[in-house]
Amino acid sequence: MNGFWHHIVAYMNRHLGSFETAGWDVVKILVLFAVARLAIRVLSRVGQRLLRLRTRLDERRRGTLGSLFENLVRYTVYFILLLTVLPIFGVHIEALLAGAGVAGLAVAFGAQSLLKDFFNGLFILFEDQYGVGDYVLINGTYGQIRSIGLRITVIKVWTGELVVIPNGQITQVTNYSKENSIAVIDVNVGYLTDAETATAIVQKVMDELKAEQENIVGDVSVLGVQAIQDSNYTIRATAECAPYTHFSIIRLAKQRIHQAFVEQGVDLPMQKVVYMAQEPIGAARPEMERDQPLEEAAQKARGVEQGGKG
C-alpha cells in the first residue's frame, strides 16, 4: 500500500507542471471506465440471450444463472480495468502480479469468512438449493429471493424490506417453491349441527373450488372431525396446490365454507357465558317477593288471638 501511494505522489510531482498530460490521463481513465460499463452491459445481455436459448432451463433457474453470470462479468471487467489504470500512475503490474501469490496467502488467512461465503455460494448454485423468485425461509428470515451472488443472497420480505445474508452464514434453508404445497383448512362448527351435515357441506364447497381454481392441482379431501372443544368441534379439509399458492386457497375456502354455512343454517360457534346467582343463606327477601297467602294467614291468626284475649 505504501508503494502504491509512493507511485501516486511521484506521478503528481512528475506531472504537476504539465496540466495537459494530466488532463489526457484523466480522459483515458474516464474513457476506460465508460468502456468497462458498456462491456458489462453488453456481456450481461449476451449471457441473458444465451440462457434463453436453453429451453431446458425453467424461468427460476434461468434467472439464477443470469444473476451469477452478471456478477462474474462485473468482477472480471473491473479487475481488468484496475490492471489497465494502474500503469498510468506508474505502477508496474508485473511486480504486482508476481507478489500476488504471496499476498494471496496472507489474504486467505485474513479473509476466511469471505472465502467461506464464496465456496458456500458455489455449492448453493451447483446444488440448486434455491433460485431467483423462490419463496424460502433462511435462518429465520422468510421472503422471496431477489438475487443470488457468490458472496451474498438478497431476500425481499413481505413488508418490502431487503435482507442481505452472507452465504457463509446460511445454515438451514426451507424452500416453498420447489414442490406442491398442501392447503389445510380447519373450520369450527357448533354442536347444534351434526358432523355428517357439516362434513357434506364442506365436501361440496371443496369440490366446487377444485373445479374453479387452477392452482388446485391435486386431490381435495375432507378428513372429518379433527378436534373437539368446549363449545364447538373442528372439521379439517386438505387440497394439494401449486407451489406457494396454498395461502390464497385457504383464505378462499374458508370464505366459501362460511358463506355455505350461513345459507344452510349451520350452527356457527360462539362463546356462550351463563351467569348463575344464589342468595346468601339467611338473607331477607324483598317485600315484593314475599308469599302473600302466608302473610294473610299470619294476620288472621293475630286477629283471632287478640279477640280471644278480649
Protein backbone atom coordinates (compact mmCIF):
# COMPACT_ATOMS: atom_id res chain seq x y z
CA MET A 1 0.00 0.00 0.00
CA ASN A 2 2.88 2.39 0.79
CA GLY A 3 4.41 1.61 -2.61
CA PHE A 4 1.16 2.43 -4.36
CA TRP A 5 0.89 5.81 -2.68
CA HIS A 6 4.58 6.41 -3.49
CA HIS A 7 3.77 5.96 -7.18
CA ILE A 8 0.82 8.35 -6.89
CA VAL A 9 2.95 11.04 -5.25
CA ALA A 10 5.70 10.53 -7.84
CA TYR A 11 3.12 10.85 -10.62
CA MET A 12 1.81 14.12 -9.18
CA ASN A 13 5.33 15.55 -8.81
CA ARG A 14 6.24 14.49 -12.33
CA HIS A 15 3.15 16.00 -13.99
CA LEU A 16 2.46 18.87 -11.63
CA GLY A 17 3.66 21.42 -14.13
CA SER A 18 2.09 19.69 -17.13
CA PHE A 19 -1.66 20.04 -16.87
CA GLU A 20 -2.07 18.86 -20.44
CA THR A 21 -0.52 15.45 -19.72
CA ALA A 22 -2.51 15.06 -16.51
CA GLY A 23 -5.71 16.03 -18.33
CA TRP A 24 -5.11 13.41 -21.01
CA ASP A 25 -4.56 10.78 -18.32
CA VAL A 26 -7.87 11.71 -16.68
CA VAL A 27 -9.59 11.46 -20.05
CA LYS A 28 -8.04 7.99 -20.58
CA ILE A 29 -9.32 6.82 -17.20
CA LEU A 30 -12.84 8.14 -17.88
CA VAL A 31 -12.90 6.51 -21.31
CA LEU A 32 -11.69 3.20 -19.89
CA PHE A 33 -14.37 3.37 -17.18
CA ALA A 34 -17.07 4.08 -19.77
CA VAL A 35 -15.86 1.19 -21.92
CA ALA A 36 -15.90 -1.10 -18.89
CA ARG A 37 -19.50 -0.16 -18.06
CA LEU A 38 -20.52 -0.70 -21.68
CA ALA A 39 -18.76 -4.07 -21.76
CA ILE A 40 -20.59 -5.18 -18.59
CA ARG A 41 -23.95 -4.22 -20.09
CA VAL A 42 -23.29 -5.89 -23.44
CA LEU A 43 -21.87 -9.09 -21.97
CA SER A 44 -24.76 -9.34 -19.49
CA ARG A 45 -27.31 -9.08 -22.30
CA VAL A 46 -25.43 -11.65 -24.35
CA GLY A 47 -25.45 -14.01 -21.39
CA GLN A 48 -29.20 -13.50 -20.87
CA ARG A 49 -29.88 -14.30 -24.54
CA LEU A 50 -27.73 -17.41 -24.41
CA LEU A 51 -29.64 -18.61 -21.35
CA ARG A 52 -32.96 -18.03 -23.12
CA LEU A 53 -31.82 -20.33 -25.90
CA ARG A 54 -31.52 -23.14 -23.37
CA THR A 55 -35.10 -24.35 -23.46
CA ARG A 56 -34.50 -26.97 -20.79
CA LEU A 57 -33.96 -24.30 -18.16
CA ASP A 58 -37.04 -23.06 -16.32
CA GLU A 59 -37.52 -19.37 -15.58
CA ARG A 60 -36.34 -19.72 -11.98
CA ARG A 61 -33.06 -21.46 -12.94
CA ARG A 62 -32.51 -19.07 -15.84
CA GLY A 63 -32.83 -16.04 -13.55
CA THR A 64 -30.41 -17.54 -11.03
CA LEU A 65 -27.72 -18.29 -13.61
CA GLY A 66 -28.26 -14.86 -15.21
CA SER A 67 -27.65 -13.15 -11.88
CA LEU A 68 -24.49 -15.21 -11.30
CA PHE A 69 -23.17 -14.52 -14.81
CA GLU A 70 -23.72 -10.78 -14.38
CA ASN A 71 -21.76 -10.78 -11.11
CA LEU A 72 -18.86 -12.70 -12.68
CA VAL A 73 -18.76 -10.32 -15.64
CA ARG A 74 -18.75 -7.29 -13.36
CA TYR A 75 -15.91 -8.58 -11.17
CA THR A 76 -13.80 -9.62 -14.17
CA VAL A 77 -14.22 -6.36 -16.10
CA TYR A 78 -13.45 -4.21 -13.08
CA PHE A 79 -10.34 -6.27 -12.33
CA ILE A 80 -9.11 -5.77 -15.91
CA LEU A 81 -9.91 -2.06 -15.62
CA LEU A 82 -7.81 -1.82 -12.47
CA LEU A 83 -4.85 -3.52 -14.17
CA THR A 84 -5.19 -1.09 -17.09
CA VAL A 85 -5.40 2.07 -14.99
CA LEU A 86 -2.52 1.31 -12.62
CA PRO A 87 0.25 1.69 -15.29
CA ILE A 88 -1.00 5.24 -15.95
CA PHE A 89 0.15 6.13 -12.43
CA GLY A 90 3.49 4.37 -12.96
CA VAL A 91 2.61 1.19 -11.07
CA HIS A 92 4.32 -1.89 -12.52
CA ILE A 93 1.69 -4.59 -12.63
CA GLU A 94 4.28 -7.29 -13.39
CA ALA A 95 5.71 -6.96 -9.90
CA LEU A 96 2.19 -6.70 -8.52
CA LEU A 97 1.14 -9.94 -10.17
CA ALA A 98 4.36 -11.66 -9.12
CA GLY A 99 3.66 -10.80 -5.49
CA ALA A 100 0.02 -11.82 -5.78
CA GLY A 101 0.86 -15.39 -4.81
CA VAL A 102 2.48 -14.38 -1.52
CA ALA A 103 -0.15 -11.78 -0.87
CA GLY A 104 -2.86 -14.33 -1.63
CA LEU A 105 -1.74 -16.47 1.30
CA ALA A 106 -1.92 -13.51 3.63
CA VAL A 107 -5.33 -12.53 2.30
CA ALA A 108 -6.55 -16.12 2.67
CA PHE A 109 -5.78 -16.09 6.38
CA GLY A 110 -7.35 -12.66 6.85
CA ALA A 111 -10.43 -13.25 4.72
CA GLN A 112 -11.57 -16.69 5.79
CA SER A 113 -15.18 -15.56 6.13
CA LEU A 114 -15.09 -14.14 2.60
CA LEU A 115 -13.79 -17.43 1.21
CA LYS A 116 -16.44 -19.30 3.19
CA ASP A 117 -19.13 -17.10 1.61
CA PHE A 118 -17.68 -17.74 -1.84
CA PHE A 119 -17.49 -21.54 -1.60
CA ASN A 120 -20.87 -21.83 0.11
CA GLY A 121 -22.36 -19.72 -2.71
CA LEU A 122 -20.88 -22.11 -5.27
CA PHE A 123 -22.48 -25.12 -3.55
CA ILE A 124 -25.84 -23.31 -3.33
CA LEU A 125 -25.78 -22.68 -7.08
CA PHE A 126 -24.47 -26.07 -8.15
CA GLU A 127 -26.90 -27.97 -5.89
CA ASP A 128 -29.79 -25.69 -6.92
CA GLN A 129 -30.93 -25.24 -3.33
CA TYR A 130 -32.98 -22.18 -4.32
CA GLY A 131 -33.28 -19.76 -7.21
CA VAL A 132 -34.37 -16.22 -8.00
CA GLY A 133 -38.10 -15.87 -7.35
CA ASP A 134 -38.34 -18.75 -4.86
CA TYR A 135 -40.08 -18.26 -1.51
CA VAL A 136 -37.74 -19.50 1.18
CA LEU A 137 -37.07 -19.46 4.90
CA ILE A 138 -33.35 -18.86 5.55
CA ASN A 139 -32.03 -18.51 9.09
CA GLY A 140 -35.45 -17.42 10.33
CA THR A 141 -35.98 -14.87 7.52
CA TYR A 142 -38.97 -15.57 5.28
CA GLY A 143 -39.38 -13.95 1.87
CA GLN A 144 -38.71 -14.11 -1.87
CA ILE A 145 -35.23 -14.48 -3.37
CA ARG A 146 -34.32 -11.32 -5.30
CA SER A 147 -30.73 -12.13 -6.27
CA ILE A 148 -28.03 -14.74 -5.65
CA GLY A 149 -24.32 -13.99 -5.82
CA LEU A 150 -21.18 -15.84 -4.96
CA ARG A 151 -20.97 -13.93 -1.67
CA ILE A 152 -24.48 -12.85 -0.65
CA THR A 153 -28.14 -13.76 -1.04
CA VAL A 154 -30.76 -11.00 -1.08
CA ILE A 155 -34.27 -11.74 0.23
CA LYS A 156 -37.30 -9.45 -0.02
CA VAL A 157 -39.66 -9.91 2.94
CA TRP A 158 -43.41 -9.41 2.60
CA THR A 159 -43.26 -5.90 4.12
CA GLY A 160 -40.89 -4.74 1.35
CA GLU A 161 -37.51 -4.70 3.09
CA LEU A 162 -34.45 -6.30 1.51
CA VAL A 163 -32.45 -8.61 3.77
CA VAL A 164 -28.84 -9.36 2.76
CA ILE A 165 -27.45 -12.66 4.09
CA PRO A 166 -23.82 -13.72 3.53
CA ASN A 167 -23.75 -17.19 2.00
CA GLY A 168 -21.31 -18.43 4.62
CA GLN A 169 -23.87 -17.77 7.37
CA ILE A 170 -26.65 -19.83 5.75
CA THR A 171 -27.13 -22.95 7.86
CA GLN A 172 -30.68 -24.07 7.02
CA VAL A 173 -32.91 -23.45 4.00
CA THR A 174 -36.62 -24.21 3.62
CA ASN A 175 -37.79 -23.84 0.01
CA TYR A 176 -41.55 -23.44 -0.51
CA SER A 177 -41.40 -23.14 -4.32
CA LYS A 178 -39.96 -26.46 -5.48
CA GLU A 179 -42.75 -28.90 -4.64
CA ASN A 180 -46.53 -28.70 -4.44
CA SER A 181 -47.93 -27.32 -1.21
CA ILE A 182 -50.84 -28.58 0.87
CA ALA A 183 -53.65 -26.23 1.92
CA VAL A 184 -55.02 -27.21 5.34
CA ILE A 185 -58.48 -25.77 6.06
CA ASP A 186 -59.88 -26.01 9.61
CA VAL A 187 -63.45 -24.84 10.25
CA ASN A 188 -65.30 -24.79 13.57
CA VAL A 189 -68.94 -25.93 13.83
CA GLY A 190 -71.36 -25.57 16.74
CA TYR A 191 -72.82 -28.66 18.44
CA LEU A 192 -76.37 -27.90 17.26
CA THR A 193 -75.33 -29.16 13.78
CA ASP A 194 -74.34 -32.81 13.43
CA ALA A 195 -70.93 -33.67 11.96
CA GLU A 196 -72.29 -35.52 8.92
CA THR A 197 -74.25 -32.49 7.69
CA ALA A 198 -71.31 -30.11 8.18
CA THR A 199 -68.90 -32.54 6.51
CA ALA A 200 -71.13 -32.87 3.46
CA ILE A 201 -71.30 -29.08 3.07
CA VAL A 202 -67.51 -28.76 3.34
CA GLN A 203 -67.01 -31.53 0.78
CA LYS A 204 -69.33 -29.82 -1.69
CA VAL A 205 -67.53 -26.49 -1.33
CA MET A 206 -64.10 -28.09 -1.79
CA ASP A 207 -65.24 -29.92 -4.93
CA GLU A 208 -66.51 -26.64 -6.40
CA LEU A 209 -63.20 -24.93 -5.60
CA LYS A 210 -61.24 -27.69 -7.33
CA ALA A 211 -63.31 -27.19 -10.50
CA GLU A 212 -62.80 -23.39 -10.41
CA GLN A 213 -59.23 -22.88 -9.21
CA GLU A 214 -56.34 -23.88 -11.47
CA ASN A 215 -53.94 -23.61 -8.52
CA ILE A 216 -55.51 -26.75 -7.03
CA VAL A 217 -53.50 -29.35 -8.92
CA GLY A 218 -54.21 -32.44 -6.80
CA ASP A 219 -56.95 -34.10 -4.82
CA VAL A 220 -59.15 -32.42 -2.24
CA SER A 221 -60.32 -34.39 0.76
CA VAL A 222 -62.33 -33.83 3.93
CA LEU A 223 -60.61 -35.69 6.74
CA GLY A 224 -63.52 -35.34 9.19
CA VAL A 225 -63.62 -34.17 12.78
CA GLN A 226 -60.14 -33.04 13.78
CA ALA A 227 -60.74 -31.73 17.31
CA ILE A 228 -63.49 -31.32 19.92
CA GLN A 229 -63.64 -28.18 22.05
CA ASP A 230 -65.98 -26.98 24.80
CA SER A 231 -68.40 -25.11 22.52
CA ASN A 232 -67.62 -26.50 19.02
CA TYR A 233 -65.83 -29.17 17.02
CA THR A 234 -63.35 -28.73 14.14
CA ILE A 235 -63.59 -30.24 10.65
CA ARG A 236 -60.38 -30.43 8.59
CA ALA A 237 -60.09 -30.45 4.79
CA THR A 238 -56.95 -30.50 2.60
CA ALA A 239 -56.12 -29.63 -1.01
CA GLU A 240 -52.90 -30.12 -3.00
CA CYS A 241 -51.92 -26.81 -4.61
CA ALA A 242 -49.24 -25.45 -6.90
CA PRO A 243 -46.07 -24.28 -5.10
CA TYR A 244 -46.73 -21.39 -2.72
CA THR A 245 -50.39 -20.91 -3.67
CA HIS A 246 -51.90 -22.64 -0.64
CA PHE A 247 -52.34 -19.45 1.38
CA SER A 248 -54.78 -17.93 -1.13
CA ILE A 249 -56.65 -21.25 -1.41
CA ILE A 250 -57.02 -21.44 2.39
CA ARG A 251 -58.49 -17.93 2.57
CA LEU A 252 -60.88 -18.54 -0.33
CA ALA A 253 -62.02 -21.92 1.03
CA LYS A 254 -62.79 -20.50 4.47
CA GLN A 255 -64.79 -17.68 2.90
CA ARG A 256 -66.84 -20.06 0.74
CA ILE A 257 -67.44 -22.51 3.61
CA HIS A 258 -68.62 -19.73 5.92
CA GLN A 259 -71.00 -18.49 3.23
CA ALA A 260 -72.37 -22.01 2.72
CA PHE A 261 -72.83 -22.48 6.49
CA VAL A 262 -74.86 -19.28 6.71
CA GLU A 263 -77.06 -20.28 3.76
CA GLN A 264 -77.68 -23.78 5.16
CA GLY A 265 -78.36 -22.56 8.68
CA VAL A 266 -75.42 -24.37 10.23
CA ASP A 267 -74.83 -23.57 13.88
CA LEU A 268 -71.83 -21.25 13.98
CA PRO A 269 -69.63 -21.45 17.05
CA MET A 270 -69.83 -18.62 19.51
CA GLN A 271 -68.79 -18.10 23.06
CA LYS A 272 -71.68 -18.66 25.49
CA VAL A 273 -71.49 -17.27 29.03
CA VAL A 274 -74.03 -18.36 31.69
CA TYR A 275 -74.38 -16.32 34.90
CA MET A 276 -75.85 -18.05 38.00
CA ALA A 277 -76.83 -16.07 41.09
CA GLN A 278 -77.54 -17.63 44.50
CA GLU A 279 -78.95 -15.80 47.57
CA PRO A 280 -76.89 -15.99 50.76
CA ILE A 281 -78.32 -18.18 53.49
CA GLY A 282 -80.50 -16.18 55.94
CA ALA A 283 -80.82 -13.15 53.68
CA ALA A 284 -84.19 -11.38 53.84
CA ARG A 285 -86.24 -11.47 50.68
CA PRO A 286 -87.58 -8.23 49.20
CA GLU A 287 -91.08 -7.19 50.20
CA MET A 288 -92.47 -7.78 46.71
CA GLU A 289 -91.26 -11.38 46.70
CA ARG A 290 -92.94 -12.39 49.97
CA ASP A 291 -95.55 -15.13 49.87
CA GLN A 292 -98.86 -13.23 50.03
CA PRO A 293 -101.03 -16.15 51.28
CA LEU A 294 -98.67 -16.72 54.20
CA GLU A 295 -98.83 -13.04 55.15
CA GLU A 296 -102.65 -13.03 55.10
CA ALA A 297 -102.81 -16.19 57.25
CA ALA A 298 -100.46 -14.64 59.78
CA GLN A 299 -102.58 -11.51 60.03
CA LYS A 300 -105.78 -13.57 60.59
CA ALA A 301 -104.03 -15.58 63.30
CA ARG A 302 -103.00 -12.44 65.13
CA GLY A 303 -106.59 -11.11 64.92
CA VAL A 304 -108.08 -14.28 66.41
CA GLU A 305 -105.56 -14.19 69.19
CA GLN A 306 -106.42 -10.60 70.13
CA GLY A 307 -110.20 -11.40 70.07
CA GLY A 308 -109.76 -14.28 72.49
CA LYS A 309 -107.95 -12.09 74.95
CA GLY A 310 -110.80 -9.54 74.83
